[in-house]
Amino acid sequence: MSALFQILFLIFSVKILGEAAERVGFPSVMGEILAGISFGILFLDIEAEVIIFFAELGSIFLLFTAGYKEVNFKELRSASITALAPTLSQLIFAFAFGFMIGMIFNFTFLQSLFMAVAFSPTSIGVVIRTLIDLNYLSSRPGIVMLSSAILDDIIGIFLLSVVVTFARFNRAPSVLSVLTIAGKILLFLLIMYILGKYFFPRLFEYAQKMHAKEAVFSLVVMVALFSAYLAEYFELHATIGAFIGGILISEIPLARIQDVQSKVEGLAYGILIPLFFAFIGFSIDLYALGNAGIFALMVIFFALSGKLIGGFIGSKAIGFDFYESFIFGVGVMPRAGVELVVLTIGRELGIIDQEIFSAIVLMVVVSILISPSALKFAIQTERKNKTDNEIRGE
């Protein structure tokens, strides 16, 4: 009964506070995070496992829905090539800034290396809601940003695997170990491609002929969960698998029936995705927020500026104008899913202590709080500038 009431409270509060945030000019995700903070304050005996389960489903369906409904596969494929330069640029800057923090505070080489890896991933899920709400996800910068975030996370997971191997055996991983990690990633992508090209279309043809109600809708949900599970099996992040699964079935006409899309969107945005952002708010340590030392403040500054500077320089190199490059840099600043996985593994292996863990969690929280608003401001500024230029006839 308590779990039911807590989920009821969360769904009610994310909608009310999300609406309040929208009315005062902030993205609704801000209100949803605030709902999670309020939940943590008001409830003492929290059914954490139930909340975590719904939050994980929310993160999966956030990326799945983006791939399924918002992204064109052909555009994403071409954008992935374009995104390589800005991806490498923002990764190099973030990695270097993370390693530099470790050197400044006299961390061991392994701790500094871990800091560098922890700075690397991007959580595009945090800003996807803003991109969709502002109808910017399908723009060229939006598609490149999304492609970059996926490449970013894959590279970040690869780097994490290398650091974990280093920590466990106290030596650099062998060439065979590195090739094994890369092989798992490529095998996952190959399996998903074969399923999307040959197996999923036949499943949807069969589902459409079934007499059972909502068979096609059920199959779409099953593809989302299966893709996430398969990614986890290959030691990737579940949200990456869900995103790829969404892209693959977006190419299947039977899966893109308007009625089915509406139901998937209703399940995702009506319940699961807001609960994911509420869980992020619930995970915020208010004590840590109020007692941030110089180390934590430097972690926040270097982590966010590394992504912003690297993203700006890299996107300028591929021909984006000033505003598009700034939007790209802001869009790759937030951290969440993969970042928190990296932190958990680092603490479990004893690579980092509680101070480093808390500082990076605080950085994740700050990036989540400021990125959507900063991105909204950047996009609106770009549009205003284009409108002014059109009026002047430039």
Protein backbone atom coordinates (compact mmCIF):
# COMPACT_ATOMS: atom_id res chain seq x y z
CA MET A 1 0.00 0.00 0.00
CA SER A 2 2.81 2.45 0.83
CA ALA A 3 4.48 1.82 -2.55
CA LEU A 4 1.19 2.51 -4.34
CA PHE A 5 0.70 5.76 -2.43
CA GLN A 6 4.29 6.90 -3.08
CA ILE A 7 3.99 6.27 -6.83
CA LEU A 8 0.62 8.08 -6.78
CA PHE A 9 2.21 11.04 -4.99
CA LEU A 10 5.10 11.17 -7.47
CA ILE A 11 2.88 11.07 -10.55
CA PHE A 12 0.67 13.80 -9.08
CA SER A 13 3.55 16.02 -7.98
CA VAL A 14 5.58 15.72 -11.23
CA LYS A 15 2.57 16.87 -13.22
CA ILE A 16 1.70 19.76 -10.92
CA LEU A 17 5.28 21.01 -10.49
CA GLY A 18 6.12 20.33 -14.15
CA GLU A 19 3.19 22.49 -15.17
CA ALA A 20 4.25 25.21 -12.71
CA ALA A 21 7.78 25.19 -14.17
CA GLU A 22 6.42 25.53 -17.71
CA ARG A 23 4.19 28.45 -16.71
CA VAL A 24 7.10 30.43 -15.28
CA GLY A 25 9.28 29.77 -18.32
CA PHE A 26 11.44 26.80 -17.24
CA PRO A 27 11.50 23.33 -18.81
CA SER A 28 9.06 20.92 -17.13
CA VAL A 29 11.98 18.68 -16.20
CA MET A 30 12.94 21.26 -13.55
CA GLY A 31 9.58 20.82 -11.84
CA GLU A 32 9.88 17.03 -12.09
CA ILE A 33 13.28 17.10 -10.39
CA LEU A 34 11.85 19.39 -7.69
CA ALA A 35 9.03 16.87 -7.19
CA GLY A 36 11.66 14.22 -6.48
CA ILE A 37 13.44 16.48 -3.98
CA SER A 38 10.10 17.15 -2.21
CA PHE A 39 9.38 13.42 -2.18
CA GLY A 40 12.67 12.73 -0.39
CA ILE A 41 11.88 15.37 2.23
CA LEU A 42 8.25 14.38 2.88
CA PHE A 43 8.58 10.59 3.00
CA LEU A 44 10.71 8.83 5.60
CA ASP A 45 10.01 5.16 4.84
CA ILE A 46 10.56 5.11 1.08
CA GLU A 47 10.01 2.02 -1.09
CA ALA A 48 13.34 2.57 -2.85
CA GLU A 49 13.34 -0.60 -4.97
CA VAL A 50 9.96 0.24 -6.48
CA ILE A 51 10.98 3.84 -7.22
CA ILE A 52 14.29 2.71 -8.76
CA PHE A 53 12.48 0.18 -10.97
CA PHE A 54 10.14 2.84 -12.38
CA ALA A 55 13.04 5.27 -12.79
CA GLU A 56 15.03 2.72 -14.80
CA LEU A 57 12.02 2.12 -17.03
CA GLY A 58 11.71 5.88 -17.44
CA SER A 59 15.33 6.27 -18.58
CA ILE A 60 14.87 3.39 -21.03
CA PHE A 61 11.68 4.81 -22.53
CA LEU A 62 13.09 8.33 -22.71
CA LEU A 63 15.81 7.21 -25.13
CA PHE A 64 13.61 4.61 -26.82
CA THR A 65 10.89 7.16 -27.57
CA ALA A 66 13.46 9.62 -28.91
CA GLY A 67 14.78 7.00 -31.33
CA TYR A 68 11.31 5.66 -32.19
CA LYS A 69 9.46 8.90 -32.75
CA GLU A 70 11.85 11.81 -33.09
CA VAL A 71 14.92 10.62 -35.03
CA ASN A 72 15.27 9.71 -38.70
CA PHE A 73 17.65 6.75 -39.13
CA LYS A 74 19.14 7.99 -42.40
CA GLU A 75 19.78 11.44 -40.96
CA LEU A 76 21.31 9.92 -37.81
CA ARG A 77 23.59 7.65 -39.86
CA SER A 78 24.97 10.56 -41.85
CA ALA A 79 25.10 12.74 -38.73
CA SER A 80 27.22 10.12 -36.92
CA ILE A 81 30.05 10.74 -39.39
CA THR A 82 29.65 14.49 -38.99
CA ALA A 83 29.49 14.10 -35.20
CA LEU A 84 32.87 12.34 -34.98
CA ALA A 85 34.94 15.55 -34.86
CA PRO A 86 32.89 17.36 -32.15
CA THR A 87 32.60 14.10 -30.19
CA LEU A 88 36.37 13.61 -30.09
CA SER A 89 36.90 17.29 -29.32
CA GLN A 90 34.57 17.41 -26.31
CA LEU A 91 35.83 14.02 -25.09
CA ILE A 92 39.47 15.12 -25.25
CA PHE A 93 38.76 18.37 -23.36
CA ALA A 94 36.59 16.64 -20.72
CA PHE A 95 39.11 13.82 -20.28
CA ALA A 96 42.03 16.27 -19.99
CA PHE A 97 40.19 18.50 -17.50
CA GLY A 98 39.27 15.49 -15.34
CA PHE A 99 42.85 14.21 -15.30
CA MET A 100 44.12 17.71 -14.52
CA ILE A 101 41.83 17.96 -11.45
CA GLY A 102 43.37 14.74 -10.16
CA MET A 103 46.89 16.06 -10.67
CA ILE A 104 46.06 19.38 -8.96
CA PHE A 105 44.81 17.58 -5.83
CA ASN A 106 47.68 15.02 -5.82
CA PHE A 107 45.54 11.98 -6.58
CA THR A 108 47.16 8.71 -7.62
CA PHE A 109 47.52 8.05 -11.35
CA LEU A 110 44.63 5.57 -11.22
CA GLN A 111 42.35 8.04 -9.41
CA SER A 112 43.24 10.80 -11.88
CA LEU A 113 42.58 8.42 -14.77
CA PHE A 114 39.22 7.53 -13.25
CA MET A 115 38.34 11.21 -12.84
CA ALA A 116 39.13 11.69 -16.53
CA VAL A 117 36.86 8.78 -17.51
CA ALA A 118 34.10 9.99 -15.15
CA PHE A 119 34.15 13.40 -16.86
CA SER A 120 33.72 11.85 -20.32
CA PRO A 121 30.12 10.54 -20.74
CA THR A 122 27.21 12.77 -21.73
CA SER A 123 23.58 12.25 -20.68
CA ILE A 124 21.62 13.46 -23.67
CA GLY A 125 18.48 12.17 -21.95
CA VAL A 126 18.51 15.18 -19.64
CA VAL A 127 18.17 17.66 -22.53
CA ILE A 128 16.16 15.55 -24.99
CA ARG A 129 12.95 16.74 -23.35
CA THR A 130 14.02 20.36 -23.93
CA LEU A 131 15.02 19.63 -27.55
CA ILE A 132 11.67 17.93 -28.22
CA ASP A 133 9.62 20.62 -26.44
CA LEU A 134 11.34 23.34 -28.51
CA ASN A 135 11.05 21.29 -31.73
CA TYR A 136 14.86 21.30 -32.10
CA LEU A 137 15.75 17.60 -31.96
CA SER A 138 15.24 17.10 -35.71
CA SER A 139 17.46 20.10 -36.58
CA ARG A 140 21.02 19.49 -37.80
CA PRO A 141 22.63 20.54 -34.49
CA GLY A 142 20.07 18.43 -32.61
CA ILE A 143 20.75 15.29 -34.66
CA VAL A 144 24.54 15.78 -34.45
CA MET A 145 24.23 16.36 -30.68
CA LEU A 146 22.27 13.12 -30.30
CA SER A 147 24.74 11.16 -32.44
CA SER A 148 27.63 12.64 -30.48
CA ALA A 149 26.08 11.65 -27.14
CA ILE A 150 25.63 8.04 -28.27
CA LEU A 151 29.24 7.83 -29.56
CA ASP A 152 30.33 9.60 -26.38
CA ASP A 153 28.73 7.01 -24.09
CA ILE A 154 30.06 4.07 -26.10
CA ILE A 155 33.60 5.48 -25.95
CA GLY A 156 33.12 6.31 -22.26
CA ILE A 157 32.05 2.74 -21.45
CA PHE A 158 35.03 1.45 -23.42
CA LEU A 159 37.39 3.69 -21.41
CA LEU A 160 35.73 2.58 -18.17
CA SER A 161 36.33 -1.06 -19.08
CA VAL A 162 40.02 -0.28 -19.62
CA VAL A 163 40.30 1.52 -16.24
CA VAL A 164 38.46 -1.31 -14.43
CA THR A 165 40.87 -3.85 -15.92
CA PHE A 166 43.78 -1.64 -14.83
CA ALA A 167 42.39 -1.44 -11.28
CA ARG A 168 41.71 -5.16 -10.93
CA PHE A 169 45.08 -6.38 -12.21
CA ASN A 170 47.18 -3.28 -11.38
CA ARG A 171 48.48 -3.17 -14.94
CA ALA A 172 47.39 -1.86 -18.31
CA PRO A 173 44.93 -4.18 -20.13
CA SER A 174 46.32 -6.43 -22.81
CA VAL A 175 45.64 -5.89 -26.48
CA LEU A 176 43.36 -8.94 -26.34
CA SER A 177 41.29 -7.38 -23.52
CA VAL A 178 40.85 -4.14 -25.45
CA LEU A 179 39.86 -6.05 -28.59
CA THR A 180 37.37 -8.11 -26.56
CA ILE A 181 35.68 -4.95 -25.25
CA ALA A 182 35.48 -3.44 -28.73
CA GLY A 183 34.23 -6.76 -30.10
CA LYS A 184 31.31 -6.84 -27.64
CA ILE A 185 30.19 -3.39 -28.76
CA LEU A 186 30.41 -4.28 -32.46
CA LEU A 187 28.66 -7.63 -31.91
CA PHE A 188 25.78 -5.90 -30.12
CA LEU A 189 25.35 -3.42 -32.98
CA LEU A 190 25.51 -6.23 -35.56
CA ILE A 191 22.88 -8.32 -33.75
CA MET A 192 20.56 -5.31 -33.42
CA TYR A 193 20.99 -4.47 -37.10
CA ILE A 194 20.13 -8.03 -38.19
CA LEU A 195 17.09 -8.11 -35.90
CA GLY A 196 15.89 -4.72 -37.11
CA LYS A 197 16.41 -5.57 -40.77
CA TYR A 198 15.03 -9.11 -40.95
CA PHE A 199 13.37 -10.29 -37.72
CA PHE A 200 11.43 -7.35 -36.26
CA PRO A 201 9.49 -6.57 -39.51
CA ARG A 202 8.15 -10.16 -39.62
CA LEU A 203 7.18 -10.00 -35.96
CA PHE A 204 5.14 -6.84 -36.60
CA GLU A 205 3.41 -8.44 -39.59
CA TYR A 206 2.41 -11.35 -37.36
CA ALA A 207 1.33 -9.05 -34.49
CA GLN A 208 -0.96 -7.08 -36.79
CA LYS A 209 -2.80 -10.30 -37.72
CA MET A 210 -3.30 -11.36 -34.10
CA HIS A 211 -6.79 -11.20 -32.55
CA ALA A 212 -5.42 -10.24 -29.15
CA LYS A 213 -5.93 -6.56 -28.39
CA GLU A 214 -3.04 -4.10 -28.67
CA ALA A 215 -0.61 -6.73 -29.98
CA VAL A 216 1.38 -4.19 -32.03
CA PHE A 217 1.64 -1.80 -29.08
CA SER A 218 2.77 -4.65 -26.83
CA LEU A 219 5.42 -5.64 -29.37
CA VAL A 220 6.80 -2.09 -29.48
CA VAL A 221 7.15 -2.13 -25.68
CA MET A 222 8.80 -5.56 -25.82
CA VAL A 223 11.34 -4.31 -28.39
CA ALA A 224 12.22 -1.43 -26.04
CA LEU A 225 12.77 -3.77 -23.09
CA PHE A 226 14.60 -6.42 -25.13
CA SER A 227 16.97 -3.85 -26.66
CA ALA A 228 17.78 -2.47 -23.22
CA TYR A 229 18.32 -5.98 -21.83
CA LEU A 230 20.57 -7.01 -24.71
CA ALA A 231 22.72 -3.89 -24.25
CA GLU A 232 23.15 -4.69 -20.56
CA TYR A 233 24.05 -8.27 -21.48
CA PHE A 234 26.87 -6.96 -23.66
CA GLU A 235 27.92 -4.64 -20.80
CA LEU A 236 26.67 -1.47 -22.46
CA HIS A 237 24.19 0.91 -20.86
CA ALA A 238 20.51 -0.09 -21.19
CA THR A 239 19.50 3.33 -22.52
CA ILE A 240 21.90 3.01 -25.47
CA GLY A 241 20.27 -0.28 -26.41
CA ALA A 242 16.79 1.21 -26.06
CA PHE A 243 17.70 4.15 -28.27
CA ILE A 244 19.08 1.87 -31.00
CA GLY A 245 15.99 -0.35 -30.73
CA GLY A 246 13.76 2.70 -31.17
CA ILE A 247 15.65 3.82 -34.26
CA LEU A 248 15.44 0.36 -35.85
CA ILE A 249 11.67 -0.06 -35.48
CA SER A 250 11.08 3.55 -36.55
CA GLU A 251 11.93 2.23 -40.04
CA ILE A 252 9.12 -0.38 -39.88
CA PRO A 253 5.81 1.09 -41.18
CA LEU A 254 3.62 -1.23 -39.07
CA ALA A 255 5.43 -0.06 -35.93
CA ARG A 256 4.87 3.59 -36.76
CA ILE A 257 1.07 3.53 -36.85
CA GLN A 258 -0.10 6.84 -35.37
CA ASP A 259 -2.35 5.19 -32.80
CA VAL A 260 0.49 2.98 -31.54
CA GLN A 261 2.93 5.91 -31.39
CA SER A 262 0.43 7.91 -29.34
CA LYS A 263 0.05 5.07 -26.84
CA VAL A 264 3.82 4.62 -26.49
CA GLU A 265 4.24 8.36 -26.03
CA GLY A 266 1.43 8.39 -23.45
CA LEU A 267 3.05 5.61 -21.43
CA ALA A 268 6.48 7.26 -21.67
CA TYR A 269 5.68 10.94 -21.08
CA GLY A 270 2.55 10.40 -19.03
CA ILE A 271 4.18 8.24 -16.36
CA LEU A 272 7.62 6.70 -16.80
CA ILE A 273 9.85 9.58 -17.97
CA PRO A 274 8.64 12.08 -15.32
CA LEU A 275 9.31 9.41 -12.68
CA PHE A 276 12.89 9.08 -13.97
CA PHE A 277 13.53 12.79 -13.45
CA ALA A 278 11.77 12.67 -10.08
CA PHE A 279 14.16 9.90 -9.04
CA ILE A 280 17.11 12.10 -10.02
CA GLY A 281 15.72 14.80 -7.74
CA PHE A 282 15.16 12.27 -4.98
CA SER A 283 18.84 11.17 -5.30
CA ILE A 284 20.13 14.68 -4.64
CA ASP A 285 21.94 14.98 -1.31
CA LEU A 286 20.83 18.36 0.05
CA TYR A 287 23.54 18.24 2.72
CA ALA A 288 26.20 17.87 0.01
CA LEU A 289 24.64 20.74 -1.90
CA GLY A 290 24.92 22.99 1.13
CA ASN A 291 28.47 21.98 2.03
CA ALA A 292 30.31 22.06 -1.28
CA GLY A 293 34.01 22.64 -0.72
CA ILE A 294 36.61 24.05 -3.13
CA PHE A 295 37.26 20.58 -4.57
CA ALA A 296 33.58 20.06 -5.42
CA LEU A 297 33.30 23.53 -6.94
CA MET A 298 36.36 22.92 -9.12
CA VAL A 299 34.96 19.55 -10.23
CA ILE A 300 31.74 21.27 -11.30
CA PHE A 301 33.53 24.08 -13.13
CA PHE A 302 36.05 21.89 -14.97
CA ALA A 303 33.55 19.16 -15.85
CA LEU A 304 31.01 21.54 -17.38
CA SER A 305 33.51 23.87 -19.06
CA GLY A 306 35.40 20.92 -20.57
CA LYS A 307 32.29 19.76 -22.41
CA LEU A 308 31.22 23.30 -23.33
CA ILE A 309 34.62 24.35 -24.71
CA GLY A 310 35.32 21.04 -26.43
CA GLY A 311 31.84 20.88 -27.94
CA PHE A 312 32.01 24.49 -29.14
CA ILE A 313 35.42 24.08 -30.80
CA GLY A 314 34.53 20.72 -32.37
CA SER A 315 31.21 21.89 -33.79
CA LYS A 316 32.79 25.07 -35.16
CA ALA A 317 35.28 22.83 -36.96
CA ILE A 318 32.44 21.11 -38.88
CA GLY A 319 30.87 24.38 -40.00
CA PHE A 320 28.35 25.29 -37.29
CA ASP A 321 27.89 29.01 -36.68
CA PHE A 322 28.47 30.62 -33.26
CA TYR A 323 24.96 30.00 -31.94
CA GLU A 324 24.77 26.39 -33.18
CA SER A 325 28.19 25.65 -31.68
CA PHE A 326 27.14 27.17 -28.35
CA ILE A 327 23.92 25.11 -28.39
CA PHE A 328 25.94 21.97 -29.09
CA GLY A 329 28.37 22.73 -26.26
CA VAL A 330 25.56 23.35 -23.76
CA GLY A 331 23.69 20.26 -24.97
CA VAL A 332 26.56 17.88 -24.17
CA MET A 333 27.22 19.30 -20.69
CA PRO A 334 24.77 17.24 -18.61
CA ARG A 335 25.67 13.93 -16.99
CA ALA A 336 23.40 11.30 -15.43
CA GLY A 337 22.93 7.65 -16.41
CA VAL A 338 26.35 6.38 -17.55
CA GLU A 339 28.10 8.84 -15.23
CA LEU A 340 26.35 7.38 -12.18
CA VAL A 341 27.18 3.85 -13.36
CA VAL A 342 30.85 4.85 -13.66
CA LEU A 343 30.81 6.34 -10.14
CA THR A 344 29.23 3.27 -8.59
CA ILE A 345 31.80 0.95 -10.15
CA GLY A 346 34.66 3.23 -9.08
CA ARG A 347 33.51 3.24 -5.47
CA GLU A 348 32.88 -0.53 -5.43
CA LEU A 349 36.43 -1.17 -6.68
CA GLY A 350 37.91 1.25 -4.15
CA ILE A 351 39.33 3.54 -6.85
CA ILE A 352 37.63 6.61 -5.40
CA ASP A 353 36.69 7.62 -1.88
CA GLN A 354 33.48 9.21 -0.59
CA GLU A 355 34.76 12.77 -1.12
CA ILE A 356 35.42 12.20 -4.83
CA PHE A 357 32.14 10.31 -5.17
CA SER A 358 30.12 13.10 -3.52
CA ALA A 359 31.83 15.82 -5.56
CA ILE A 360 31.09 14.12 -8.88
CA VAL A 361 27.49 13.36 -7.84
CA LEU A 362 27.10 17.04 -7.00
CA MET A 363 28.49 17.91 -10.44
CA VAL A 364 25.92 15.55 -12.02
CA VAL A 365 23.14 17.27 -10.08
CA VAL A 366 24.28 20.77 -11.07
CA SER A 367 24.60 19.78 -14.73
CA ILE A 368 21.07 18.35 -14.67
CA LEU A 369 19.68 21.49 -13.06
CA ILE A 370 21.30 24.11 -15.30
CA SER A 371 21.60 22.39 -18.70
CA PRO A 372 17.90 22.37 -19.74
CA SER A 373 17.43 26.07 -18.92
CA ALA A 374 20.76 27.03 -20.51
CA LEU A 375 19.87 25.06 -23.64
CA LYS A 376 16.44 26.65 -23.85
CA PHE A 377 18.00 30.11 -23.54
CA ALA A 378 20.61 29.29 -26.22
CA ILE A 379 18.00 27.99 -28.71
CA GLN A 380 15.67 30.93 -28.14
CA THR A 381 18.60 33.34 -28.57
CA GLU A 382 19.55 31.67 -31.86
CA ARG A 383 15.97 31.89 -33.16
CA LYS A 384 15.65 35.53 -32.12
CA ASN A 385 18.91 36.33 -33.91
CA LYS A 386 17.71 34.60 -37.11
CA THR A 387 14.38 36.44 -36.93
CA ASP A 388 16.16 39.80 -36.49
CA ASN A 389 18.42 39.03 -39.47
CA GLU A 390 15.40 38.15 -41.62
CA ILE A 391 13.68 41.39 -40.66
CA ARG A 392 16.83 43.35 -41.63
CA GLY A 393 16.98 41.37 -44.88
CA GLU A 394 20.40 39.85 -44.16
